[in-house]
Structures are given as structure tokens and as C-alpha cells.
Amino acid sequence: MAPYEALHGRPCRTSVYCNEVGKRQLIELELVQTTLENVKVIRENLKIAHDRQKSYADKRRRELEFEIGDRVFLKLSPWKGILRFDNKGKLSPRYIEPYEIIAHVGPAAYKFALPTELSKIYDVFHVSMLWKYVPNPTHILREQPVQLKENLSYEEEPVQILDRK
């Protein structure tokens, strides 16, 4: 059955009316009633399918809101053709540095303070392109002084044993 026929209960050329030369007359009342019942069943099935798909989408949806001054990571996917970053393929970074939000633009868009090397990129991003940055002191790596020998080599010393098999 064609979609038009399923929704409206008749083919594109009306089957409810006979297109004969002369008067138009209504075909049986039973045909109209069965058509209306079929349309109700189809609409109910479409609503059930729509609700099921909506529930799947709602489970994955994250309602994010940020405030001015928050720091967030930016997603790289739309920049593939504009900028080149260090690695390509699987090992390329998904998100880059935490940047500060300087303004709230629209219901789901934010403006950022980007560095000069990203000046080619428009500085307003949608919420779906952001990932909240949670400051953690372990993210900061401390420089350890390295004592070089005359042949420019150094001795490595283990700091901690992480795992043992």
C-alpha cells in the first residue's frame, strides 16, 4: 500500500468518489468506515514507533548548561578540513584544551576566548561540541631535573610500580 493510500485511505486518484462522467456519488459507507479504522491503526503504530525512538534518544541526551567563566574542552570533528593537528586517524585528539567561556549566545551556544592560532575559526560553539573540564591537580605534570652525563645520556629511575603480573 502506498503511503498516501495508507494515511488517507484511498489511492492518489480518489477511490471514495467514482470519477465517472456525470454525478459524483459516494461509494459504500462500509468502505469509508474501514478506511477510517485503518488510518487510526496506522497513526497509533506510527505514534508507538515515534515514542520508542524518542525514548532511545532521550536516554543518550545530556542537558548541559555552562556559566560564563567555566572552562570546557572543544570537540575537533568540524575542524578536520580547516586545521591540521598533530595526529591523524585513530590517534588524533577528540577534544582540545580547556577554553574559557566569555558569553552566552542563544539558548544552546557559547562564545569563547580562543588563542590567536585559532583565529580562522568562528568563536561561537553549540553545546554538543563541548565537554566540561573538571580541574584536577594530577593533570599538571611537574618537570623533573635531568642530570646529563658527558655523552648526553641520563639514568632513568622508576618512581612507582603500578602493576605486577
C-alpha atoms as a PDB file:
ATOM      1  CA  MET A   1       0.000   0.000   0.000  1.00  0.00           C
ATOM      2  CA  ALA A   2       1.349   3.421  -0.884  1.00  0.00           C
ATOM      3  CA  PRO A   3       1.912   5.903   1.993  1.00  0.00           C
ATOM      4  CA  TYR A   4      -0.731   8.286   0.657  1.00  0.00           C
ATOM      5  CA  GLU A   5      -3.217   5.445   0.459  1.00  0.00           C
ATOM      6  CA  ALA A   6      -2.320   4.258   3.971  1.00  0.00           C
ATOM      7  CA  LEU A   7      -2.783   7.685   5.544  1.00  0.00           C
ATOM      8  CA  HIS A   8      -5.786   8.847   3.586  1.00  0.00           C
ATOM      9  CA  GLY A   9      -7.458   5.524   2.869  1.00  0.00           C
ATOM     10  CA  ARG A  10      -7.550   5.924  -0.872  1.00  0.00           C
ATOM     11  CA  PRO A  11      -5.131   5.955  -3.785  1.00  0.00           C
ATOM     12  CA  CYS A  12      -3.954   9.236  -5.256  1.00  0.00           C
ATOM     13  CA  ARG A  13      -6.940   9.236  -7.572  1.00  0.00           C
ATOM     14  CA  THR A  14      -9.814   9.216  -5.163  1.00  0.00           C
ATOM     15  CA  SER A  15     -11.466   5.860  -4.629  1.00  0.00           C
ATOM     16  CA  VAL A  16     -14.114   7.338  -2.355  1.00  0.00           C
ATOM     17  CA  TYR A  17     -15.751   9.061  -5.296  1.00  0.00           C
ATOM     18  CA  CYS A  18     -16.283   7.485  -8.700  1.00  0.00           C
ATOM     19  CA  ASN A  19     -14.895   9.729 -11.384  1.00  0.00           C
ATOM     20  CA  GLU A  20     -17.399   8.815 -13.977  1.00  0.00           C
ATOM     21  CA  VAL A  21     -18.900  11.225 -16.406  1.00  0.00           C
ATOM     22  CA  GLY A  22     -21.884  12.661 -14.653  1.00  0.00           C
ATOM     23  CA  LYS A  23     -22.595  12.981 -10.942  1.00  0.00           C
ATOM     24  CA  ARG A  24     -20.139  12.010  -8.228  1.00  0.00           C
ATOM     25  CA  GLN A  25     -21.626   9.515  -5.849  1.00  0.00           C
ATOM     26  CA  LEU A  26     -20.337   8.145  -2.561  1.00  0.00           C
ATOM     27  CA  ILE A  27     -19.180   4.525  -2.616  1.00  0.00           C
ATOM     28  CA  GLU A  28     -20.382   2.318   0.175  1.00  0.00           C
ATOM     29  CA  LEU A  29     -20.385   3.625   3.738  1.00  0.00           C
ATOM     30  CA  GLU A  30     -18.553   0.472   4.899  1.00  0.00           C
ATOM     31  CA  LEU A  31     -15.542   1.342   2.715  1.00  0.00           C
ATOM     32  CA  VAL A  32     -15.293   4.761   4.353  1.00  0.00           C
ATOM     33  CA  GLN A  33     -15.540   3.264   7.853  1.00  0.00           C
ATOM     34  CA  THR A  34     -12.896   0.595   7.220  1.00  0.00           C
ATOM     35  CA  THR A  35     -10.647   3.233   5.729  1.00  0.00           C
ATOM     36  CA  LEU A  36     -11.006   5.415   8.822  1.00  0.00           C
ATOM     37  CA  GLU A  37     -10.268   2.432  11.080  1.00  0.00           C
ATOM     38  CA  ASN A  38      -7.150   1.592   9.040  1.00  0.00           C
ATOM     39  CA  VAL A  39      -5.965   5.191   9.308  1.00  0.00           C
ATOM     40  CA  LYS A  40      -6.441   5.105  13.117  1.00  0.00           C
ATOM     41  CA  VAL A  41      -4.442   1.879  13.403  1.00  0.00           C
ATOM     42  CA  ILE A  42      -1.633   3.247  11.231  1.00  0.00           C
ATOM     43  CA  ARG A  43      -1.468   6.503  13.220  1.00  0.00           C
ATOM     44  CA  GLU A  44      -1.344   4.562  16.510  1.00  0.00           C
ATOM     45  CA  ASN A  45       1.505   2.406  15.183  1.00  0.00           C
ATOM     46  CA  LEU A  46       3.394   5.487  13.990  1.00  0.00           C
ATOM     47  CA  LYS A  47       2.955   7.116  17.410  1.00  0.00           C
ATOM     48  CA  ILE A  48       4.220   3.977  19.187  1.00  0.00           C
ATOM     49  CA  ALA A  49       7.283   3.859  16.921  1.00  0.00           C
ATOM     50  CA  HIS A  50       7.896   7.598  17.418  1.00  0.00           C
ATOM     51  CA  ASP A  51       7.665   7.271  21.222  1.00  0.00           C
ATOM     52  CA  ARG A  52      10.065   4.319  21.211  1.00  0.00           C
ATOM     53  CA  GLN A  53      12.657   6.191  19.147  1.00  0.00           C
ATOM     54  CA  LYS A  54      12.210   9.290  21.332  1.00  0.00           C
ATOM     55  CA  SER A  55      12.862   7.281  24.495  1.00  0.00           C
ATOM     56  CA  TYR A  56      16.110   5.932  22.980  1.00  0.00           C
ATOM     57  CA  ALA A  57      17.210   9.453  22.061  1.00  0.00           C
ATOM     58  CA  ASP A  58      16.277  10.883  25.472  1.00  0.00           C
ATOM     59  CA  LYS A  59      18.429   8.318  27.295  1.00  0.00           C
ATOM     60  CA  ARG A  60      21.527   9.496  25.419  1.00  0.00           C
ATOM     61  CA  ARG A  61      20.739  13.219  25.587  1.00  0.00           C
ATOM     62  CA  ARG A  62      22.707  15.333  28.041  1.00  0.00           C
ATOM     63  CA  GLU A  63      21.207  18.617  29.136  1.00  0.00           C
ATOM     64  CA  LEU A  64      24.303  20.791  29.522  1.00  0.00           C
ATOM     65  CA  GLU A  65      24.443  24.322  30.783  1.00  0.00           C
ATOM     66  CA  PHE A  66      27.584  26.327  31.417  1.00  0.00           C
ATOM     67  CA  GLU A  67      28.231  29.642  33.069  1.00  0.00           C
ATOM     68  CA  ILE A  68      30.463  32.487  31.997  1.00  0.00           C
ATOM     69  CA  GLY A  69      33.994  31.791  33.220  1.00  0.00           C
ATOM     70  CA  ASP A  70      33.678  27.979  33.058  1.00  0.00           C
ATOM     71  CA  ARG A  71      36.351  26.094  31.168  1.00  0.00           C
ATOM     72  CA  VAL A  72      35.375  23.463  28.596  1.00  0.00           C
ATOM     73  CA  PHE A  73      37.062  21.222  26.043  1.00  0.00           C
ATOM     74  CA  LEU A  74      36.207  21.755  22.354  1.00  0.00           C
ATOM     75  CA  LYS A  75      35.409  18.863  20.033  1.00  0.00           C
ATOM     76  CA  LEU A  76      37.533  18.620  16.869  1.00  0.00           C
ATOM     77  CA  SER A  77      35.252  16.935  14.339  1.00  0.00           C
ATOM     78  CA  PRO A  78      34.111  20.017  12.349  1.00  0.00           C
ATOM     79  CA  TRP A  79      37.664  21.336  12.093  1.00  0.00           C
ATOM     80  CA  LYS A  80      39.095  18.461  10.063  1.00  0.00           C
ATOM     81  CA  GLY A  81      39.171  20.450   6.833  1.00  0.00           C
ATOM     82  CA  ILE A  82      40.156  23.764   8.406  1.00  0.00           C
ATOM     83  CA  LEU A  83      43.045  22.987  10.730  1.00  0.00           C
ATOM     84  CA  ARG A  84      45.600  20.226  10.946  1.00  0.00           C
ATOM     85  CA  PHE A  85      46.508  18.853  14.334  1.00  0.00           C
ATOM     86  CA  ASP A  86      49.431  16.627  15.274  1.00  0.00           C
ATOM     87  CA  ASN A  87      47.996  13.142  14.703  1.00  0.00           C
ATOM     88  CA  LYS A  88      45.550  11.815  12.155  1.00  0.00           C
ATOM     89  CA  GLY A  89      43.138   8.902  12.266  1.00  0.00           C
ATOM     90  CA  LYS A  90      42.517   6.909  15.436  1.00  0.00           C
ATOM     91  CA  LEU A  91      45.169   8.639  17.489  1.00  0.00           C
ATOM     92  CA  SER A  92      44.035  12.174  16.766  1.00  0.00           C
ATOM     93  CA  PRO A  93      42.723  14.048  19.811  1.00  0.00           C
ATOM     94  CA  ARG A  94      38.933  14.117  20.206  1.00  0.00           C
ATOM     95  CA  TYR A  95      38.867  17.287  22.302  1.00  0.00           C
ATOM     96  CA  ILE A  96      41.427  20.026  22.696  1.00  0.00           C
ATOM     97  CA  GLU A  97      42.499  22.298  25.534  1.00  0.00           C
ATOM     98  CA  PRO A  98      40.059  23.769  28.003  1.00  0.00           C
ATOM     99  CA  TYR A  99      38.981  27.217  26.848  1.00  0.00           C
ATOM    100  CA  GLU A 100      37.121  29.821  28.857  1.00  0.00           C
ATOM    101  CA  ILE A 101      33.517  30.783  28.094  1.00  0.00           C
ATOM    102  CA  ILE A 102      33.164  34.549  27.763  1.00  0.00           C
ATOM    103  CA  ALA A 103      29.499  34.896  26.698  1.00  0.00           C
ATOM    104  CA  HIS A 104      26.216  33.005  26.434  1.00  0.00           C
ATOM    105  CA  VAL A 105      24.822  33.330  22.890  1.00  0.00           C
ATOM    106  CA  GLY A 106      21.347  31.921  22.309  1.00  0.00           C
ATOM    107  CA  PRO A 107      19.755  29.015  24.201  1.00  0.00           C
ATOM    108  CA  ALA A 108      22.484  26.453  23.408  1.00  0.00           C
ATOM    109  CA  ALA A 109      25.509  28.379  22.139  1.00  0.00           C
ATOM    110  CA  TYR A 110      28.544  29.866  23.848  1.00  0.00           C
ATOM    111  CA  LYS A 111      31.294  32.274  22.829  1.00  0.00           C
ATOM    112  CA  PHE A 112      34.929  31.512  23.698  1.00  0.00           C
ATOM    113  CA  ALA A 113      38.198  33.276  24.220  1.00  0.00           C
ATOM    114  CA  LEU A 114      40.278  31.457  21.597  1.00  0.00           C
ATOM    115  CA  PRO A 115      44.037  31.936  21.104  1.00  0.00           C
ATOM    116  CA  THR A 116      45.397  33.677  18.021  1.00  0.00           C
ATOM    117  CA  GLU A 117      46.378  30.405  16.281  1.00  0.00           C
ATOM    118  CA  LEU A 118      42.648  29.540  16.135  1.00  0.00           C
ATOM    119  CA  SER A 119      41.649  32.930  14.747  1.00  0.00           C
ATOM    120  CA  LYS A 120      40.381  31.331  11.497  1.00  0.00           C
ATOM    121  CA  ILE A 121      37.608  29.601  13.449  1.00  0.00           C
ATOM    122  CA  TYR A 122      34.356  31.283  14.439  1.00  0.00           C
ATOM    123  CA  ASP A 123      34.370  31.585  18.232  1.00  0.00           C
ATOM    124  CA  VAL A 124      30.727  30.547  18.934  1.00  0.00           C
ATOM    125  CA  PHE A 125      30.024  26.845  19.527  1.00  0.00           C
ATOM    126  CA  HIS A 126      26.941  24.710  20.148  1.00  0.00           C
ATOM    127  CA  VAL A 127      26.617  22.784  23.424  1.00  0.00           C
ATOM    128  CA  SER A 128      27.016  19.461  21.591  1.00  0.00           C
ATOM    129  CA  MET A 129      30.615  20.445  20.736  1.00  0.00           C
ATOM    130  CA  LEU A 130      31.622  20.943  24.376  1.00  0.00           C
ATOM    131  CA  TRP A 131      32.828  18.754  27.230  1.00  0.00           C
ATOM    132  CA  LYS A 132      33.035  20.149  30.751  1.00  0.00           C
ATOM    133  CA  TYR A 133      36.544  20.474  32.155  1.00  0.00           C
ATOM    134  CA  VAL A 134      36.887  19.357  35.751  1.00  0.00           C
ATOM    135  CA  PRO A 135      40.134  20.747  37.203  1.00  0.00           C
ATOM    136  CA  ASN A 136      42.356  18.038  38.661  1.00  0.00           C
ATOM    137  CA  PRO A 137      45.799  18.687  40.163  1.00  0.00           C
ATOM    138  CA  THR A 138      47.082  15.372  38.775  1.00  0.00           C
ATOM    139  CA  HIS A 139      46.684  16.774  35.228  1.00  0.00           C
ATOM    140  CA  ILE A 140      49.604  19.098  35.871  1.00  0.00           C
ATOM    141  CA  LEU A 141      52.935  17.450  35.156  1.00  0.00           C
ATOM    142  CA  ARG A 142      55.905  18.670  37.130  1.00  0.00           C
ATOM    143  CA  GLU A 143      59.260  18.962  35.454  1.00  0.00           C
ATOM    144  CA  GLN A 144      61.926  16.798  36.982  1.00  0.00           C
ATOM    145  CA  PRO A 145      65.510  17.957  36.681  1.00  0.00           C
ATOM    146  CA  VAL A 146      67.564  15.656  34.473  1.00  0.00           C
ATOM    147  CA  GLN A 147      71.288  15.353  35.026  1.00  0.00           C
ATOM    148  CA  LEU A 148      73.038  14.675  31.736  1.00  0.00           C
ATOM    149  CA  LYS A 149      76.346  12.840  31.527  1.00  0.00           C
ATOM    150  CA  GLU A 150      79.206  13.885  29.261  1.00  0.00           C
ATOM    151  CA  ASN A 151      77.935  11.676  26.406  1.00  0.00           C
ATOM    152  CA  LEU A 152      74.451  13.322  26.720  1.00  0.00           C
ATOM    153  CA  SER A 153      72.811  10.275  28.279  1.00  0.00           C
ATOM    154  CA  TYR A 154      70.950  10.043  31.560  1.00  0.00           C
ATOM    155  CA  GLU A 155      69.905   7.355  34.014  1.00  0.00           C
ATOM    156  CA  GLU A 156      66.221   6.535  34.423  1.00  0.00           C
ATOM    157  CA  GLU A 157      64.925   5.711  37.881  1.00  0.00           C
ATOM    158  CA  PRO A 158      61.487   4.174  38.477  1.00  0.00           C
ATOM    159  CA  VAL A 159      59.190   6.300  40.590  1.00  0.00           C
ATOM    160  CA  GLN A 160      56.459   3.767  41.370  1.00  0.00           C
ATOM    161  CA  ILE A 161      55.466   0.203  40.461  1.00  0.00           C
ATOM    162  CA  LEU A 162      51.965   0.354  39.017  1.00  0.00           C
ATOM    163  CA  ASP A 163      51.189  -3.300  38.314  1.00  0.00           C
ATOM    164  CA  ARG A 164      52.673  -6.718  38.761  1.00  0.00           C
ATOM    165  CA  LYS A 165      51.769  -9.923  36.943  1.00  0.00           C
END
